[in-house]
N, C-alpha and C. Protein backbone atom coordinates (compact mmCIF):
# COMPACT_ATOMS: atom_id res chain seq x y z
N MET A 1 -88.14 206.86 -29.87
CA MET A 1 -87.48 207.03 -31.17
C MET A 1 -86.58 205.86 -30.20
N SER A 2 -85.99 205.41 -32.36
CA SER A 2 -85.17 203.55 -32.01
C SER A 2 -84.08 203.88 -32.00
N THR A 3 -83.74 202.99 -31.02
CA THR A 3 -82.14 202.49 -30.87
C THR A 3 -81.73 203.11 -31.34
N LEU A 4 -81.72 202.51 -33.04
CA LEU A 4 -80.19 202.70 -33.72
C LEU A 4 -80.15 205.00 -34.20
N ARG A 5 -81.72 205.18 -34.03
CA ARG A 5 -81.91 206.67 -33.26
C ARG A 5 -80.59 207.47 -33.60
N GLN A 6 -80.86 206.89 -32.06
CA GLN A 6 -80.42 207.25 -30.68
C GLN A 6 -78.57 207.34 -30.89
N THR A 7 -78.14 206.38 -31.25
CA THR A 7 -76.94 205.30 -31.24
C THR A 7 -76.42 207.33 -32.53
N TRP A 8 -77.20 206.92 -33.60
CA TRP A 8 -76.60 208.16 -34.66
C TRP A 8 -77.10 209.47 -34.18
N SER A 9 -77.55 209.72 -33.33
CA SER A 9 -77.22 210.85 -32.54
C SER A 9 -76.27 211.60 -30.80
N TYR A 10 -76.44 210.19 -30.64
CA TYR A 10 -75.17 210.51 -30.02
C TYR A 10 -73.57 210.65 -30.74
N PHE A 11 -73.53 209.16 -31.53
CA PHE A 11 -71.88 210.08 -32.00
C PHE A 11 -72.07 211.27 -33.50
N ALA A 12 -73.22 211.14 -33.40
CA ALA A 12 -73.17 213.35 -34.25
C ALA A 12 -72.69 213.79 -33.39
N THR A 13 -73.98 213.58 -32.25
CA THR A 13 -73.37 215.03 -31.23
C THR A 13 -71.86 215.19 -30.82
N ARG A 14 -71.06 213.69 -30.77
CA ARG A 14 -69.46 213.85 -30.05
C ARG A 14 -67.99 214.14 -32.35
N LEU A 15 -69.20 213.61 -32.87
CA LEU A 15 -68.26 214.10 -33.94
C LEU A 15 -68.03 215.71 -33.50
N ARG A 16 -69.29 216.35 -33.55
CA ARG A 16 -69.52 218.13 -33.61
C ARG A 16 -68.51 218.30 -32.41
N ALA A 17 -68.38 217.86 -31.46
CA ALA A 17 -68.16 218.47 -30.53
C ALA A 17 -66.23 218.10 -30.57
N SER A 18 -66.03 217.55 -31.12
CA SER A 18 -65.21 217.11 -31.20
C SER A 18 -63.52 217.84 -31.99
N PHE A 19 -65.23 218.46 -33.55
CA PHE A 19 -64.45 219.01 -34.42
C PHE A 19 -63.89 220.96 -33.63
N GLU A 20 -65.38 220.53 -32.59
CA GLU A 20 -65.28 222.24 -31.71
C GLU A 20 -63.79 222.36 -31.32
N ASN A 21 -63.80 221.49 -30.36
CA ASN A 21 -63.05 220.92 -29.10
C ASN A 21 -60.64 220.94 -30.09
N ASP A 22 -60.96 220.04 -31.18
CA ASP A 22 -59.99 220.16 -32.33
C ASP A 22 -59.69 221.27 -32.61
N ARG A 23 -60.66 222.38 -33.31
CA ARG A 23 -60.84 223.98 -34.02
C ARG A 23 -60.23 224.79 -32.44
N ASP A 24 -60.38 224.29 -31.36
CA ASP A 24 -59.96 225.02 -30.74
C ASP A 24 -58.05 225.08 -29.90
N ARG A 25 -58.48 224.48 -30.11
CA ARG A 25 -56.74 223.64 -29.49
C ARG A 25 -56.23 223.84 -30.78
N GLY A 26 -56.31 223.91 -31.81
CA GLY A 26 -54.85 223.89 -32.87
C GLY A 26 -53.85 223.46 -32.54
N GLU A 27 -54.03 221.99 -32.23
CA GLU A 27 -53.33 220.78 -31.84
C GLU A 27 -52.78 220.55 -33.82
N VAL A 28 -51.87 220.32 -34.39
CA VAL A 28 -51.39 219.14 -35.28
C VAL A 28 -51.17 217.66 -34.79
N SER A 29 -52.11 216.58 -34.86
CA SER A 29 -52.08 215.15 -35.19
C SER A 29 -50.48 214.55 -35.26
N ALA A 30 -50.94 213.29 -34.47
CA ALA A 30 -49.46 213.03 -36.10
C ALA A 30 -49.71 212.34 -36.66
N THR A 31 -51.44 211.89 -37.06
CA THR A 31 -50.79 211.41 -38.54
C THR A 31 -50.95 212.73 -39.81
N THR A 32 -51.26 213.98 -39.42
CA THR A 32 -50.56 215.28 -40.55
C THR A 32 -48.98 215.54 -40.02
N VAL A 33 -48.57 215.19 -39.25
CA VAL A 33 -46.85 215.13 -39.53
C VAL A 33 -46.24 214.14 -39.96
N VAL A 34 -46.52 212.80 -40.48
CA VAL A 34 -45.97 211.80 -40.49
C VAL A 34 -47.15 211.61 -41.95
N MET A 35 -48.59 212.56 -43.32
CA MET A 35 -48.42 212.85 -43.76
C MET A 35 -47.98 214.05 -44.79
N ALA A 36 -47.76 215.05 -44.29
CA ALA A 36 -46.66 215.97 -44.54
C ALA A 36 -45.06 216.16 -45.10
N ALA A 37 -44.56 214.96 -44.37
CA ALA A 37 -43.35 214.11 -44.41
C ALA A 37 -43.13 213.22 -45.67
N ALA A 38 -44.38 212.85 -45.70
CA ALA A 38 -44.48 211.70 -46.51
C ALA A 38 -44.20 212.96 -47.78
N LEU A 39 -45.67 213.77 -48.16
CA LEU A 39 -45.42 214.43 -49.91
C LEU A 39 -44.35 214.73 -49.81
N ILE A 40 -43.22 215.54 -48.79
CA ILE A 40 -42.46 217.06 -48.69
C ILE A 40 -40.93 215.78 -49.74
N ALA A 41 -41.33 214.26 -49.15
CA ALA A 41 -39.96 213.70 -49.31
C ALA A 41 -40.33 212.98 -51.36
N LEU A 42 -41.65 212.89 -51.20
CA LEU A 42 -42.52 212.48 -52.71
C LEU A 42 -41.70 213.40 -53.39
N ALA A 43 -41.76 214.86 -53.05
CA ALA A 43 -42.19 216.44 -53.89
C ALA A 43 -40.44 215.97 -53.89
N LEU A 44 -39.21 216.11 -53.47
CA LEU A 44 -38.04 215.69 -53.58
C LEU A 44 -37.75 214.41 -54.17
N PHE A 45 -37.76 213.45 -53.75
CA PHE A 45 -38.09 212.38 -54.84
C PHE A 45 -38.27 213.02 -55.83
N VAL A 46 -39.66 213.62 -56.28
CA VAL A 46 -39.64 213.46 -58.05
C VAL A 46 -38.68 214.57 -58.82
N GLY A 47 -37.88 216.49 -57.80
CA GLY A 47 -37.89 217.07 -58.56
C GLY A 47 -36.25 216.81 -58.74
N ALA A 48 -35.69 215.81 -57.75
CA ALA A 48 -34.18 214.98 -58.76
C ALA A 48 -34.21 213.83 -59.59
N THR A 49 -35.48 213.63 -59.42
CA THR A 49 -35.81 212.47 -61.27
C THR A 49 -35.82 213.28 -61.88
N ILE A 50 -36.51 214.41 -62.37
CA ILE A 50 -37.01 215.29 -62.75
C ILE A 50 -35.37 216.12 -63.62
N THR A 51 -34.64 216.28 -62.45
CA THR A 51 -33.68 216.74 -62.16
C THR A 51 -32.85 216.43 -63.13
N SER A 52 -31.98 214.91 -62.33
CA SER A 52 -31.83 214.47 -63.12
C SER A 52 -31.59 214.00 -64.84
N ARG A 53 -32.34 213.46 -65.28
CA ARG A 53 -33.09 213.31 -66.74
C ARG A 53 -33.18 215.18 -67.43
N VAL A 54 -32.81 215.34 -66.86
CA VAL A 54 -33.24 217.26 -67.46
C VAL A 54 -30.90 217.28 -67.56
N ARG A 55 -30.64 217.00 -67.37
CA ARG A 55 -29.22 216.93 -67.23
C ARG A 55 -28.87 216.30 -67.77
N ASP A 56 -28.85 214.51 -67.28
CA ASP A 56 -28.52 213.72 -68.67
C ASP A 56 -28.86 214.15 -70.08
N LYS A 57 -29.67 214.74 -69.95
CA LYS A 57 -30.37 214.90 -71.39
C LYS A 57 -30.25 216.33 -72.56
N ALA A 58 -29.50 216.76 -71.62
CA ALA A 58 -28.68 218.07 -72.10
C ALA A 58 -26.79 217.57 -71.84
N ASN A 59 -26.75 216.52 -70.77
CA ASN A 59 -25.37 216.88 -71.54
C ASN A 59 -25.19 215.67 -72.53
N SER A 60 -26.90 214.55 -72.99
CA SER A 60 -26.08 214.04 -75.12
C SER A 60 -26.38 214.63 -75.54
N LEU A 61 -26.43 215.83 -75.66
CA LEU A 61 -26.60 215.98 -77.04
C LEU A 61 -25.29 217.02 -77.56
N ASP A 62 -25.13 217.10 -78.47
CA ASP A 62 -24.73 217.41 -79.86
C ASP A 62 -24.31 218.49 -79.68
N LEU A 63 -23.03 219.69 -80.03
CA LEU A 63 -23.21 221.07 -80.21
C LEU A 63 -22.24 221.24 -81.12
N ASP A 64 -21.58 219.94 -81.91
CA ASP A 64 -20.41 220.97 -82.77
C ASP A 64 -21.36 220.83 -83.72
């Protein structure tokens, strides 16, 4: 077996073991928490922007 093939085999085995270990622990990584917080902040910003624009447009309507 070539050295490259052994290396790939080793990394594939370690990757599978890592996935199985992570699944068993059920832990959430810090990266997942940061990404979730960023997406929530983005959603709040977009919601506030849309609300502000709709409110400004509604206030500018002349209903007389």
